[in-house]
Amino acid sequence: MSAISERRERERAHRHQLIITVARELAETEGWEAVTTRRLAERVEYSQPVLYSHFDGKDAIMRAVALDGFDELAAGMRHARQDAVEPAHALRAVCNAYLEFATERPVLYQGMFVLPTDLKFGSAETPPPLRAVFDEFVYCFRPDNERRELFAEVTWSALHGIAVLSDSGRLPPDEERLDFLITQIAATPTRSSEQDH
């Protein structure tokens, strides 16, 4: 590849990421309904045809923002799992990282999990960033547990329910739910029993 081609590729990649970053910022400040190709073209100072050379439309932009979010979430969960002192504490660390992400980035979380996208979970077409998030749950369960993917799915589902119901105000924040989930799903000690020892 020539130096000119490499420069063009870098510029294209930079424009692509800039569009995603601006879309995310716009969603976080004004809501997803404000993310339109016209608004994005104005914000990034590119024409709409240039925008369409990167993305087919708003759905494709939302998909790209969601994938960025999954990369970020997976990295946070991986870091939390690897920092857990004891393997038995890894699940709590991963669950806390997940819920913190949902609480600290509610608009991004909504774009990743609540708003309609063409992202497929649990299929051959599951993009790597989604699989990476799921794998962080899986890694919290012993490799000799033949049903650890099922345990991961149930854990993720419960956390998603807690995150969405808490964000909507239908459930007040309560650490006891997480203690109960972890105790039941993995038979790991709760924080209160850890403090007793």
C-alpha atoms as a PDB file:
ATOM      1  CA  MET A   1       0.000   0.000   0.000  1.00  0.00           C
ATOM      2  CA  SER A   2       1.376   3.395  -0.935  1.00  0.00           C
ATOM      3  CA  ALA A   3       1.912   6.214   1.559  1.00  0.00           C
ATOM      4  CA  ILE A   4      -0.983   8.136  -0.047  1.00  0.00           C
ATOM      5  CA  SER A   5      -3.322   5.140   0.276  1.00  0.00           C
ATOM      6  CA  GLU A   6      -2.316   4.643   3.901  1.00  0.00           C
ATOM      7  CA  ARG A   7      -2.950   8.311   4.652  1.00  0.00           C
ATOM      8  CA  ARG A   8      -6.390   8.129   3.004  1.00  0.00           C
ATOM      9  CA  GLU A   9      -7.241   5.023   5.022  1.00  0.00           C
ATOM     10  CA  ARG A  10      -6.183   6.759   8.248  1.00  0.00           C
ATOM     11  CA  GLU A  11      -8.251   9.831   7.353  1.00  0.00           C
ATOM     12  CA  ARG A  12     -11.261   7.649   6.526  1.00  0.00           C
ATOM     13  CA  ALA A  13     -10.900   5.748   9.822  1.00  0.00           C
ATOM     14  CA  HIS A  14     -10.597   9.069  11.673  1.00  0.00           C
ATOM     15  CA  ARG A  15     -13.776  10.418  10.007  1.00  0.00           C
ATOM     16  CA  HIS A  16     -15.587   7.164  10.782  1.00  0.00           C
ATOM     17  CA  GLN A  17     -14.664   7.332  14.483  1.00  0.00           C
ATOM     18  CA  LEU A  18     -15.446  11.055  14.650  1.00  0.00           C
ATOM     19  CA  ILE A  19     -18.988  10.403  13.393  1.00  0.00           C
ATOM     20  CA  ILE A  20     -19.467   7.697  16.043  1.00  0.00           C
ATOM     21  CA  THR A  21     -18.073   9.915  18.813  1.00  0.00           C
ATOM     22  CA  VAL A  22     -20.239  12.889  17.836  1.00  0.00           C
ATOM     23  CA  ALA A  23     -23.337  10.675  17.546  1.00  0.00           C
ATOM     24  CA  ARG A  24     -22.726   9.369  21.052  1.00  0.00           C
ATOM     25  CA  GLU A  25     -22.174  12.879  22.446  1.00  0.00           C
ATOM     26  CA  LEU A  26     -25.329  14.133  20.741  1.00  0.00           C
ATOM     27  CA  ALA A  27     -27.361  11.221  22.118  1.00  0.00           C
ATOM     28  CA  GLU A  28     -26.000  11.750  25.618  1.00  0.00           C
ATOM     29  CA  THR A  29     -26.767  15.471  25.634  1.00  0.00           C
ATOM     30  CA  GLU A  30     -30.041  15.573  23.670  1.00  0.00           C
ATOM     31  CA  GLY A  31     -31.328  11.992  23.419  1.00  0.00           C
ATOM     32  CA  TRP A  32     -31.307   9.455  20.592  1.00  0.00           C
ATOM     33  CA  GLU A  33     -34.045  11.279  18.677  1.00  0.00           C
ATOM     34  CA  ALA A  34     -31.580  14.140  18.128  1.00  0.00           C
ATOM     35  CA  VAL A  35     -29.168  11.824  16.312  1.00  0.00           C
ATOM     36  CA  THR A  36     -30.027  12.468  12.667  1.00  0.00           C
ATOM     37  CA  THR A  37     -27.772  12.428   9.626  1.00  0.00           C
ATOM     38  CA  ARG A  38     -28.475  16.124   9.086  1.00  0.00           C
ATOM     39  CA  ARG A  39     -27.471  17.063  12.654  1.00  0.00           C
ATOM     40  CA  LEU A  40     -24.401  14.841  12.503  1.00  0.00           C
ATOM     41  CA  ALA A  41     -23.309  16.303   9.164  1.00  0.00           C
ATOM     42  CA  GLU A  42     -23.535  19.788  10.712  1.00  0.00           C
ATOM     43  CA  ARG A  43     -21.646  18.758  13.851  1.00  0.00           C
ATOM     44  CA  VAL A  44     -18.789  16.958  12.100  1.00  0.00           C
ATOM     45  CA  GLU A  45     -18.721  19.528   9.298  1.00  0.00           C
ATOM     46  CA  TYR A  46     -18.992  16.947   6.518  1.00  0.00           C
ATOM     47  CA  SER A  47     -21.654  16.852   3.839  1.00  0.00           C
ATOM     48  CA  GLN A  48     -24.424  14.282   4.160  1.00  0.00           C
ATOM     49  CA  PRO A  49     -23.017  12.352   1.151  1.00  0.00           C
ATOM     50  CA  VAL A  50     -19.689  12.010   3.010  1.00  0.00           C
ATOM     51  CA  LEU A  51     -21.610  10.792   6.060  1.00  0.00           C
ATOM     52  CA  TYR A  52     -23.476   8.271   3.887  1.00  0.00           C
ATOM     53  CA  SER A  53     -20.159   7.032   2.493  1.00  0.00           C
ATOM     54  CA  HIS A  54     -19.457   5.779   6.027  1.00  0.00           C
ATOM     55  CA  PHE A  55     -22.935   4.793   7.223  1.00  0.00           C
ATOM     56  CA  ASP A  56     -26.181   3.875   5.434  1.00  0.00           C
ATOM     57  CA  GLY A  57     -28.222   5.969   7.838  1.00  0.00           C
ATOM     58  CA  LYS A  58     -29.160   6.480  11.464  1.00  0.00           C
ATOM     59  CA  ASP A  59     -29.630   2.760  12.172  1.00  0.00           C
ATOM     60  CA  ALA A  60     -26.079   2.001  11.011  1.00  0.00           C
ATOM     61  CA  ILE A  61     -24.737   4.877  13.122  1.00  0.00           C
ATOM     62  CA  MET A  62     -26.612   3.641  16.201  1.00  0.00           C
ATOM     63  CA  ARG A  63     -25.243   0.150  15.564  1.00  0.00           C
ATOM     64  CA  ALA A  64     -21.684   1.524  15.428  1.00  0.00           C
ATOM     65  CA  VAL A  65     -22.202   3.516  18.642  1.00  0.00           C
ATOM     66  CA  ALA A  66     -23.608   0.396  20.330  1.00  0.00           C
ATOM     67  CA  LEU A  67     -20.605  -1.684  19.210  1.00  0.00           C
ATOM     68  CA  ASP A  68     -18.291   0.971  20.625  1.00  0.00           C
ATOM     69  CA  GLY A  69     -20.237   0.735  23.871  1.00  0.00           C
ATOM     70  CA  PHE A  70     -19.905  -3.053  23.940  1.00  0.00           C
ATOM     71  CA  ASP A  71     -16.139  -2.727  23.482  1.00  0.00           C
ATOM     72  CA  GLU A  72     -16.031  -0.313  26.419  1.00  0.00           C
ATOM     73  CA  LEU A  73     -18.285  -2.484  28.595  1.00  0.00           C
ATOM     74  CA  ALA A  74     -16.278  -5.645  27.855  1.00  0.00           C
ATOM     75  CA  ALA A  75     -13.024  -3.874  28.730  1.00  0.00           C
ATOM     76  CA  GLY A  76     -14.449  -2.637  32.044  1.00  0.00           C
ATOM     77  CA  MET A  77     -15.804  -6.072  32.938  1.00  0.00           C
ATOM     78  CA  ARG A  78     -12.514  -7.771  31.962  1.00  0.00           C
ATOM     79  CA  HIS A  79     -10.560  -5.342  34.114  1.00  0.00           C
ATOM     80  CA  ALA A  80     -12.894  -5.944  37.065  1.00  0.00           C
ATOM     81  CA  ARG A  81     -12.691  -9.731  36.688  1.00  0.00           C
ATOM     82  CA  GLN A  82      -8.918  -9.752  36.420  1.00  0.00           C
ATOM     83  CA  ASP A  83      -8.581  -7.459  39.448  1.00  0.00           C
ATOM     84  CA  ALA A  84     -10.713  -9.734  41.635  1.00  0.00           C
ATOM     85  CA  VAL A  85      -8.416 -11.117  44.321  1.00  0.00           C
ATOM     86  CA  GLU A  86     -10.255 -14.416  44.643  1.00  0.00           C
ATOM     87  CA  PRO A  87     -11.933 -16.336  41.800  1.00  0.00           C
ATOM     88  CA  ALA A  88     -15.083 -16.498  43.934  1.00  0.00           C
ATOM     89  CA  HIS A  89     -15.225 -12.683  43.900  1.00  0.00           C
ATOM     90  CA  ALA A  90     -14.901 -12.357  40.117  1.00  0.00           C
ATOM     91  CA  LEU A  91     -18.652 -12.643  39.498  1.00  0.00           C
ATOM     92  CA  ARG A  92     -19.429  -9.846  41.971  1.00  0.00           C
ATOM     93  CA  ALA A  93     -16.758  -7.642  40.388  1.00  0.00           C
ATOM     94  CA  VAL A  94     -18.096  -8.277  36.872  1.00  0.00           C
ATOM     95  CA  CYS A  95     -21.709  -7.700  37.946  1.00  0.00           C
ATOM     96  CA  ASN A  96     -20.760  -4.455  39.689  1.00  0.00           C
ATOM     97  CA  ALA A  97     -18.849  -3.275  36.599  1.00  0.00           C
ATOM     98  CA  TYR A  98     -21.888  -4.051  34.449  1.00  0.00           C
ATOM     99  CA  LEU A  99     -24.337  -2.202  36.693  1.00  0.00           C
ATOM    100  CA  GLU A 100     -21.974   0.760  37.080  1.00  0.00           C
ATOM    101  CA  PHE A 101     -21.721   1.041  33.298  1.00  0.00           C
ATOM    102  CA  ALA A 102     -25.528   0.984  32.980  1.00  0.00           C
ATOM    103  CA  THR A 103     -25.892   3.632  35.704  1.00  0.00           C
ATOM    104  CA  GLU A 104     -23.101   5.919  34.514  1.00  0.00           C
ATOM    105  CA  ARG A 105     -23.965   5.710  30.789  1.00  0.00           C
ATOM    106  CA  PRO A 106     -27.751   5.277  30.673  1.00  0.00           C
ATOM    107  CA  VAL A 107     -28.194   6.706  27.166  1.00  0.00           C
ATOM    108  CA  LEU A 108     -25.446   4.536  25.710  1.00  0.00           C
ATOM    109  CA  TYR A 109     -26.833   1.516  27.583  1.00  0.00           C
ATOM    110  CA  GLN A 110     -30.252   2.249  26.086  1.00  0.00           C
ATOM    111  CA  GLY A 111     -28.732   2.320  22.586  1.00  0.00           C
ATOM    112  CA  MET A 112     -26.954  -0.964  23.237  1.00  0.00           C
ATOM    113  CA  PHE A 113     -29.763  -2.940  24.865  1.00  0.00           C
ATOM    114  CA  VAL A 114     -33.140  -1.251  24.680  1.00  0.00           C
ATOM    115  CA  LEU A 115     -33.539   0.542  21.349  1.00  0.00           C
ATOM    116  CA  PRO A 116     -34.055  -1.631  18.276  1.00  0.00           C
ATOM    117  CA  THR A 117     -30.905  -2.531  16.328  1.00  0.00           C
ATOM    118  CA  ASP A 118     -29.914  -5.364  14.034  1.00  0.00           C
ATOM    119  CA  LEU A 119     -27.324  -6.636  16.521  1.00  0.00           C
ATOM    120  CA  LYS A 120     -27.904 -10.305  17.197  1.00  0.00           C
ATOM    121  CA  PHE A 121     -27.112 -11.956  20.510  1.00  0.00           C
ATOM    122  CA  GLY A 122     -26.497 -15.676  20.805  1.00  0.00           C
ATOM    123  CA  SER A 123     -26.156 -16.462  17.106  1.00  0.00           C
ATOM    124  CA  ALA A 124     -23.486 -17.112  14.495  1.00  0.00           C
ATOM    125  CA  GLU A 125     -23.763 -13.416  13.506  1.00  0.00           C
ATOM    126  CA  THR A 126     -23.071 -12.091  17.008  1.00  0.00           C
ATOM    127  CA  PRO A 127     -20.400  -9.388  16.612  1.00  0.00           C
ATOM    128  CA  PRO A 128     -17.183  -9.942  18.615  1.00  0.00           C
ATOM    129  CA  PRO A 129     -17.788  -7.024  21.059  1.00  0.00           C
ATOM    130  CA  LEU A 130     -21.127  -8.556  22.136  1.00  0.00           C
ATOM    131  CA  ARG A 131     -19.531 -11.965  22.507  1.00  0.00           C
ATOM    132  CA  ALA A 132     -16.719 -10.409  24.569  1.00  0.00           C
ATOM    133  CA  VAL A 133     -19.254  -9.026  27.079  1.00  0.00           C
ATOM    134  CA  PHE A 134     -20.963 -12.416  27.320  1.00  0.00           C
ATOM    135  CA  ASP A 135     -17.627 -14.201  27.713  1.00  0.00           C
ATOM    136  CA  GLU A 136     -16.772 -12.053  30.731  1.00  0.00           C
ATOM    137  CA  PHE A 137     -19.805 -13.542  32.474  1.00  0.00           C
ATOM    138  CA  VAL A 138     -18.894 -17.050  31.288  1.00  0.00           C
ATOM    139  CA  TYR A 139     -15.343 -16.753  32.633  1.00  0.00           C
ATOM    140  CA  CYS A 140     -16.748 -16.167  36.126  1.00  0.00           C
ATOM    141  CA  PHE A 141     -17.994 -19.754  36.268  1.00  0.00           C
ATOM    142  CA  ARG A 142     -15.795 -22.803  36.613  1.00  0.00           C
ATOM    143  CA  PRO A 143     -14.649 -24.389  33.336  1.00  0.00           C
ATOM    144  CA  ASP A 144     -15.880 -27.795  34.545  1.00  0.00           C
ATOM    145  CA  ASN A 145     -19.425 -26.389  34.816  1.00  0.00           C
ATOM    146  CA  GLU A 146     -21.005 -27.710  31.626  1.00  0.00           C
ATOM    147  CA  ARG A 147     -23.858 -25.232  32.004  1.00  0.00           C
ATOM    148  CA  ARG A 148     -21.742 -22.146  32.576  1.00  0.00           C
ATOM    149  CA  GLU A 149     -23.100 -20.440  29.446  1.00  0.00           C
ATOM    150  CA  LEU A 150     -26.624 -20.891  30.821  1.00  0.00           C
ATOM    151  CA  PHE A 151     -25.472 -19.473  34.178  1.00  0.00           C
ATOM    152  CA  ALA A 152     -23.958 -16.519  32.284  1.00  0.00           C
ATOM    153  CA  GLU A 153     -27.189 -15.928  30.318  1.00  0.00           C
ATOM    154  CA  VAL A 154     -29.339 -15.969  33.450  1.00  0.00           C
ATOM    155  CA  THR A 155     -26.927 -13.662  35.282  1.00  0.00           C
ATOM    156  CA  TRP A 156     -26.843 -11.217  32.376  1.00  0.00           C
ATOM    157  CA  SER A 157     -30.633 -11.309  32.022  1.00  0.00           C
ATOM    158  CA  ALA A 158     -31.137 -10.587  35.720  1.00  0.00           C
ATOM    159  CA  LEU A 159     -28.618  -7.731  35.667  1.00  0.00           C
ATOM    160  CA  HIS A 160     -30.266  -6.240  32.595  1.00  0.00           C
ATOM    161  CA  GLY A 161     -33.617  -6.367  34.377  1.00  0.00           C
ATOM    162  CA  ILE A 162     -32.150  -4.686  37.439  1.00  0.00           C
ATOM    163  CA  ALA A 163     -30.479  -2.003  35.291  1.00  0.00           C
ATOM    164  CA  VAL A 164     -33.580  -1.177  33.230  1.00  0.00           C
ATOM    165  CA  LEU A 165     -36.017  -1.277  36.141  1.00  0.00           C
ATOM    166  CA  SER A 166     -33.716   0.875  38.279  1.00  0.00           C
ATOM    167  CA  ASP A 167     -33.158   3.400  35.477  1.00  0.00           C
ATOM    168  CA  SER A 168     -36.908   3.742  34.935  1.00  0.00           C
ATOM    169  CA  GLY A 169     -37.481   4.275  38.668  1.00  0.00           C
ATOM    170  CA  ARG A 170     -39.565   1.109  38.971  1.00  0.00           C
ATOM    171  CA  LEU A 171     -37.052  -0.410  41.405  1.00  0.00           C
ATOM    172  CA  PRO A 172     -35.127   1.584  43.993  1.00  0.00           C
ATOM    173  CA  PRO A 173     -31.381   0.911  44.171  1.00  0.00           C
ATOM    174  CA  ASP A 174     -30.734  -2.059  46.462  1.00  0.00           C
ATOM    175  CA  GLU A 175     -27.505  -4.030  46.937  1.00  0.00           C
ATOM    176  CA  GLU A 176     -29.473  -6.940  48.393  1.00  0.00           C
ATOM    177  CA  ARG A 177     -30.708  -7.914  44.907  1.00  0.00           C
ATOM    178  CA  LEU A 178     -27.147  -8.350  43.670  1.00  0.00           C
ATOM    179  CA  ASP A 179     -26.194 -10.297  46.806  1.00  0.00           C
ATOM    180  CA  PHE A 180     -29.174 -12.583  46.280  1.00  0.00           C
ATOM    181  CA  LEU A 181     -28.417 -13.117  42.591  1.00  0.00           C
ATOM    182  CA  ILE A 182     -24.771 -13.950  43.185  1.00  0.00           C
ATOM    183  CA  THR A 183     -25.518 -16.237  46.128  1.00  0.00           C
ATOM    184  CA  GLN A 184     -28.183 -18.136  44.220  1.00  0.00           C
ATOM    185  CA  ILE A 185     -26.492 -18.396  40.838  1.00  0.00           C
ATOM    186  CA  ALA A 186     -22.932 -19.108  41.882  1.00  0.00           C
ATOM    187  CA  ALA A 187     -23.107 -19.965  45.578  1.00  0.00           C
ATOM    188  CA  THR A 188     -20.494 -17.270  46.179  1.00  0.00           C
ATOM    189  CA  PRO A 189     -20.481 -15.479  49.522  1.00  0.00           C
ATOM    190  CA  THR A 190     -22.373 -12.246  49.956  1.00  0.00           C
ATOM    191  CA  ARG A 191     -20.628  -9.096  51.079  1.00  0.00           C
ATOM    192  CA  SER A 192     -22.256  -9.317  54.488  1.00  0.00           C
ATOM    193  CA  SER A 193     -21.079 -12.903  55.067  1.00  0.00           C
ATOM    194  CA  GLU A 194     -17.588 -11.979  53.829  1.00  0.00           C
ATOM    195  CA  GLN A 195     -17.485  -9.240  56.462  1.00  0.00           C
ATOM    196  CA  ASP A 196     -18.535 -11.700  59.174  1.00  0.00           C
ATOM    197  CA  HIS A 197     -15.412 -13.836  58.593  1.00  0.00           C
END
